[in-house]
Amino acid sequence: MSEIGKDKIRLMLFIVSQSKYSERAIREIHDVCENNLKNNYILQVIDVIERPELAEKYRIIATPTLVRLHPEPPRRLIGDLSDGQKIMEVLKLPVSK
C-alpha cells in the first residue's frame, strides 16, 4: 500500500452484481463509512463473477461479504449488511470525530 492512505481503514466488499442484495449492501456500507469513518477509509467493491481469483484468495464462500483488511487482524461480516451498528461492532470500526 502506498504511503498515502496507509493508516486508513481498508475494506473490501465482495458481491455478485445485478443483485438487489448487492445494491443494498453497497448503499449501506457507503452510508456507514461516510457517517462514521469520514475520510478515514478505502472501500473496494469486488464482483466475484468478474474477479473470481480475488474471491478465492480471500476465501469468500458467500456474498455479500465485507472484509476489514486494515488494521489487522482481518475481520469479516457475511450476509445481511443492513444494520450499520452491527457492521461497526463486528468489524470493530472506530467512529471518526
N, C-alpha and C. Protein backbone atom coordinates (compact mmCIF):
# COMPACT_ATOMS: atom_id res chain seq x y z
N MET A 1 0.85 -1.17 0.00
CA MET A 1 0.00 0.00 0.00
C MET A 1 0.90 1.23 0.00
N SER A 2 0.51 2.24 -0.74
CA SER A 2 1.30 3.45 -0.82
C SER A 2 1.26 4.20 0.50
N GLU A 3 2.16 5.15 0.65
CA GLU A 3 2.21 5.97 1.87
C GLU A 3 0.89 6.71 2.07
N ILE A 4 0.30 7.17 0.96
CA ILE A 4 -0.99 7.84 1.06
C ILE A 4 -2.03 6.77 1.38
N GLY A 5 -2.71 6.94 2.47
CA GLY A 5 -3.75 6.01 2.84
C GLY A 5 -3.28 4.82 3.65
N LYS A 6 -2.01 4.80 4.06
CA LYS A 6 -1.52 3.62 4.78
C LYS A 6 -2.17 3.46 6.15
N ASP A 7 -2.65 4.53 6.74
CA ASP A 7 -3.30 4.44 8.04
C ASP A 7 -4.82 4.37 7.95
N LYS A 8 -5.34 4.38 6.74
CA LYS A 8 -6.79 4.34 6.57
C LYS A 8 -7.31 2.92 6.77
N ILE A 9 -8.55 2.83 7.18
CA ILE A 9 -9.21 1.54 7.31
C ILE A 9 -9.46 1.03 5.90
N ARG A 10 -9.04 -0.20 5.66
CA ARG A 10 -9.18 -0.77 4.32
C ARG A 10 -10.24 -1.86 4.35
N LEU A 11 -11.29 -1.67 3.54
CA LEU A 11 -12.41 -2.60 3.48
C LEU A 11 -12.59 -3.13 2.06
N MET A 12 -12.99 -4.38 1.97
CA MET A 12 -13.35 -4.99 0.69
C MET A 12 -14.76 -5.55 0.83
N LEU A 13 -15.62 -5.19 -0.11
CA LEU A 13 -16.98 -5.71 -0.14
C LEU A 13 -17.10 -6.63 -1.35
N PHE A 14 -17.35 -7.91 -1.08
CA PHE A 14 -17.50 -8.90 -2.14
C PHE A 14 -18.98 -9.09 -2.41
N ILE A 15 -19.36 -8.95 -3.67
CA ILE A 15 -20.77 -9.02 -4.07
C ILE A 15 -20.90 -9.85 -5.35
N VAL A 16 -22.12 -10.14 -5.72
CA VAL A 16 -22.46 -10.66 -7.04
C VAL A 16 -23.27 -9.56 -7.70
N SER A 17 -22.82 -9.09 -8.85
CA SER A 17 -23.51 -7.97 -9.50
C SER A 17 -24.93 -8.36 -9.91
N GLN A 18 -25.70 -7.33 -10.19
CA GLN A 18 -27.08 -7.48 -10.65
C GLN A 18 -27.98 -8.13 -9.60
N SER A 19 -27.67 -7.92 -8.34
CA SER A 19 -28.48 -8.48 -7.27
C SER A 19 -29.02 -7.34 -6.42
N LYS A 20 -30.28 -7.43 -6.01
CA LYS A 20 -30.84 -6.38 -5.16
C LYS A 20 -30.12 -6.38 -3.81
N TYR A 21 -29.65 -7.53 -3.35
CA TYR A 21 -28.90 -7.60 -2.09
C TYR A 21 -27.55 -6.90 -2.21
N SER A 22 -26.93 -7.04 -3.36
CA SER A 22 -25.65 -6.37 -3.60
C SER A 22 -25.81 -4.87 -3.62
N GLU A 23 -26.83 -4.39 -4.31
CA GLU A 23 -27.07 -2.95 -4.38
C GLU A 23 -27.34 -2.38 -2.98
N ARG A 24 -28.14 -3.10 -2.19
CA ARG A 24 -28.43 -2.65 -0.84
C ARG A 24 -27.17 -2.68 0.03
N ALA A 25 -26.35 -3.71 -0.12
CA ALA A 25 -25.11 -3.81 0.66
C ALA A 25 -24.17 -2.65 0.33
N ILE A 26 -24.05 -2.33 -0.93
CA ILE A 26 -23.17 -1.23 -1.34
C ILE A 26 -23.66 0.09 -0.73
N ARG A 27 -24.97 0.35 -0.84
CA ARG A 27 -25.53 1.59 -0.26
C ARG A 27 -25.29 1.64 1.24
N GLU A 28 -25.55 0.55 1.93
CA GLU A 28 -25.42 0.53 3.39
C GLU A 28 -23.96 0.74 3.82
N ILE A 29 -23.05 0.08 3.16
CA ILE A 29 -21.63 0.22 3.53
C ILE A 29 -21.15 1.65 3.26
N HIS A 30 -21.54 2.21 2.12
CA HIS A 30 -21.18 3.61 1.85
C HIS A 30 -21.74 4.54 2.93
N ASP A 31 -22.98 4.34 3.30
CA ASP A 31 -23.59 5.17 4.35
C ASP A 31 -22.85 5.02 5.68
N VAL A 32 -22.59 3.79 6.08
CA VAL A 32 -21.87 3.54 7.34
C VAL A 32 -20.51 4.21 7.31
N CYS A 33 -19.79 4.04 6.22
CA CYS A 33 -18.43 4.62 6.13
C CYS A 33 -18.48 6.14 6.14
N GLU A 34 -19.36 6.73 5.34
CA GLU A 34 -19.42 8.18 5.28
C GLU A 34 -19.88 8.79 6.60
N ASN A 35 -20.81 8.16 7.27
CA ASN A 35 -21.34 8.69 8.52
C ASN A 35 -20.44 8.46 9.71
N ASN A 36 -19.62 7.42 9.69
CA ASN A 36 -18.82 7.07 10.85
C ASN A 36 -17.31 7.17 10.67
N LEU A 37 -16.84 6.92 9.46
CA LEU A 37 -15.39 6.89 9.24
C LEU A 37 -14.88 8.13 8.52
N LYS A 38 -15.80 8.92 8.01
CA LYS A 38 -15.49 10.15 7.27
C LYS A 38 -14.52 9.81 6.13
N ASN A 39 -13.37 10.46 6.07
CA ASN A 39 -12.40 10.21 5.00
C ASN A 39 -11.31 9.25 5.42
N ASN A 40 -11.56 8.47 6.45
CA ASN A 40 -10.53 7.60 7.00
C ASN A 40 -10.69 6.15 6.53
N TYR A 41 -11.13 5.94 5.31
CA TYR A 41 -11.31 4.58 4.82
C TYR A 41 -11.09 4.48 3.32
N ILE A 42 -10.80 3.26 2.90
CA ILE A 42 -10.72 2.91 1.49
C ILE A 42 -11.63 1.70 1.32
N LEU A 43 -12.59 1.77 0.42
CA LEU A 43 -13.52 0.69 0.18
C LEU A 43 -13.39 0.21 -1.26
N GLN A 44 -13.14 -1.07 -1.42
CA GLN A 44 -13.13 -1.70 -2.73
C GLN A 44 -14.36 -2.58 -2.84
N VAL A 45 -15.11 -2.45 -3.92
CA VAL A 45 -16.25 -3.31 -4.18
C VAL A 45 -15.83 -4.29 -5.27
N ILE A 46 -15.92 -5.58 -4.96
CA ILE A 46 -15.44 -6.61 -5.86
C ILE A 46 -16.58 -7.54 -6.23
N ASP A 47 -16.83 -7.65 -7.53
CA ASP A 47 -17.82 -8.57 -8.05
C ASP A 47 -17.13 -9.93 -8.22
N VAL A 48 -17.59 -10.94 -7.49
CA VAL A 48 -16.91 -12.23 -7.52
C VAL A 48 -17.05 -12.93 -8.87
N ILE A 49 -18.03 -12.53 -9.67
CA ILE A 49 -18.17 -13.09 -11.02
C ILE A 49 -17.07 -12.54 -11.92
N GLU A 50 -16.77 -11.26 -11.77
CA GLU A 50 -15.73 -10.63 -12.58
C GLU A 50 -14.33 -10.90 -12.07
N ARG A 51 -14.19 -11.11 -10.75
CA ARG A 51 -12.87 -11.30 -10.14
C ARG A 51 -12.83 -12.57 -9.27
N PRO A 52 -13.06 -13.74 -9.85
CA PRO A 52 -13.09 -14.97 -9.05
C PRO A 52 -11.78 -15.26 -8.34
N GLU A 53 -10.69 -14.79 -8.91
CA GLU A 53 -9.38 -15.04 -8.27
C GLU A 53 -9.27 -14.33 -6.93
N LEU A 54 -9.89 -13.14 -6.80
CA LEU A 54 -9.88 -12.45 -5.51
C LEU A 54 -10.80 -13.14 -4.51
N ALA A 55 -11.93 -13.64 -4.99
CA ALA A 55 -12.82 -14.39 -4.10
C ALA A 55 -12.10 -15.61 -3.56
N GLU A 56 -11.35 -16.27 -4.41
CA GLU A 56 -10.59 -17.44 -3.97
C GLU A 56 -9.47 -17.05 -3.01
N LYS A 57 -8.75 -16.00 -3.34
CA LYS A 57 -7.64 -15.54 -2.49
C LYS A 57 -8.12 -15.22 -1.08
N TYR A 58 -9.27 -14.57 -0.97
CA TYR A 58 -9.80 -14.16 0.34
C TYR A 58 -10.79 -15.18 0.91
N ARG A 59 -10.90 -16.31 0.25
CA ARG A 59 -11.76 -17.42 0.71
C ARG A 59 -13.20 -16.99 0.95
N ILE A 60 -13.75 -16.33 -0.05
CA ILE A 60 -15.13 -15.87 0.02
C ILE A 60 -16.04 -17.01 -0.41
N ILE A 61 -16.94 -17.41 0.48
CA ILE A 61 -17.83 -18.52 0.17
C ILE A 61 -19.29 -18.09 0.04
N ALA A 62 -19.59 -16.85 0.41
CA ALA A 62 -20.95 -16.33 0.31
C ALA A 62 -20.87 -14.82 0.09
N THR A 63 -21.91 -14.28 -0.54
CA THR A 63 -21.97 -12.83 -0.73
C THR A 63 -23.31 -12.34 -0.20
N PRO A 64 -23.37 -11.09 0.22
CA PRO A 64 -22.24 -10.18 0.34
C PRO A 64 -21.37 -10.52 1.55
N THR A 65 -20.09 -10.25 1.40
CA THR A 65 -19.13 -10.39 2.49
C THR A 65 -18.32 -9.11 2.57
N LEU A 66 -18.24 -8.53 3.76
CA LEU A 66 -17.45 -7.33 4.00
C LEU A 66 -16.23 -7.74 4.81
N VAL A 67 -15.05 -7.41 4.31
CA VAL A 67 -13.80 -7.77 4.96
C VAL A 67 -13.05 -6.50 5.35
N ARG A 68 -12.63 -6.43 6.62
CA ARG A 68 -11.74 -5.35 7.05
C ARG A 68 -10.34 -5.93 7.00
N LEU A 69 -9.50 -5.37 6.13
CA LEU A 69 -8.13 -5.84 5.98
C LEU A 69 -7.15 -5.08 6.86
N HIS A 70 -7.42 -3.80 7.02
CA HIS A 70 -6.52 -2.96 7.82
C HIS A 70 -7.37 -2.08 8.71
N PRO A 71 -7.09 -1.97 9.95
CA PRO A 71 -5.94 -2.55 10.65
C PRO A 71 -6.13 -4.06 10.90
N GLU A 72 -5.02 -4.72 11.05
CA GLU A 72 -5.05 -6.15 11.34
C GLU A 72 -5.42 -6.38 12.78
N PRO A 73 -5.94 -7.52 13.12
CA PRO A 73 -6.17 -8.69 12.27
C PRO A 73 -7.42 -8.49 11.41
N PRO A 74 -7.46 -9.19 10.27
CA PRO A 74 -8.63 -9.09 9.41
C PRO A 74 -9.88 -9.56 10.13
N ARG A 75 -11.01 -8.96 9.77
CA ARG A 75 -12.32 -9.35 10.32
C ARG A 75 -13.30 -9.37 9.16
N ARG A 76 -14.35 -10.18 9.28
CA ARG A 76 -15.33 -10.25 8.19
C ARG A 76 -16.75 -10.37 8.71
N LEU A 77 -17.64 -9.89 7.89
CA LEU A 77 -19.07 -9.96 8.17
C LEU A 77 -19.74 -10.49 6.90
N ILE A 78 -20.49 -11.57 7.06
CA ILE A 78 -21.10 -12.26 5.92
C ILE A 78 -22.62 -12.15 6.02
N GLY A 79 -23.25 -11.87 4.88
CA GLY A 79 -24.70 -11.89 4.84
C GLY A 79 -25.33 -10.52 4.96
N ASP A 80 -26.32 -10.40 5.81
CA ASP A 80 -27.11 -9.18 5.94
C ASP A 80 -26.25 -8.01 6.42
N LEU A 81 -26.14 -7.01 5.58
CA LEU A 81 -25.35 -5.82 5.91
C LEU A 81 -26.24 -4.60 6.07
N SER A 82 -27.46 -4.81 6.52
CA SER A 82 -28.40 -3.70 6.63
C SER A 82 -28.35 -2.99 7.97
N ASP A 83 -27.63 -3.52 8.93
CA ASP A 83 -27.55 -2.92 10.27
C ASP A 83 -26.19 -2.25 10.45
N GLY A 84 -26.17 -0.94 10.30
CA GLY A 84 -24.92 -0.18 10.41
C GLY A 84 -24.22 -0.35 11.74
N GLN A 85 -24.98 -0.39 12.83
CA GLN A 85 -24.38 -0.56 14.15
C GLN A 85 -23.69 -1.92 14.26
N LYS A 86 -24.33 -2.95 13.71
CA LYS A 86 -23.74 -4.29 13.73
C LYS A 86 -22.45 -4.32 12.92
N ILE A 87 -22.43 -3.66 11.79
CA ILE A 87 -21.23 -3.58 10.96
C ILE A 87 -20.10 -2.96 11.76
N MET A 88 -20.38 -1.85 12.42
CA MET A 88 -19.35 -1.16 13.21
C MET A 88 -18.83 -2.06 14.34
N GLU A 89 -19.73 -2.77 15.01
CA GLU A 89 -19.34 -3.61 16.14
C GLU A 89 -18.56 -4.84 15.71
N VAL A 90 -19.08 -5.58 14.74
CA VAL A 90 -18.44 -6.82 14.32
C VAL A 90 -17.05 -6.56 13.72
N LEU A 91 -16.95 -5.51 12.92
CA LEU A 91 -15.66 -5.21 12.28
C LEU A 91 -14.75 -4.35 13.18
N LYS A 92 -15.28 -3.98 14.35
CA LYS A 92 -14.52 -3.16 15.29
C LYS A 92 -13.98 -1.91 14.62
N LEU A 93 -14.89 -1.18 13.98
CA LEU A 93 -14.53 0.05 13.29
C LEU A 93 -14.66 1.23 14.25
N PRO A 94 -13.65 2.09 14.26
CA PRO A 94 -13.73 3.27 15.12
C PRO A 94 -14.64 4.32 14.50
N VAL A 95 -15.22 5.14 15.32
CA VAL A 95 -16.03 6.25 14.85
C VAL A 95 -15.14 7.47 14.76
N SER A 96 -15.10 8.10 13.59
CA SER A 96 -14.30 9.32 13.41
C SER A 96 -14.94 10.46 14.16
N LYS A 97 -14.13 11.36 14.60
CA LYS A 97 -14.63 12.55 15.32
C LYS A 97 -14.73 13.71 14.38
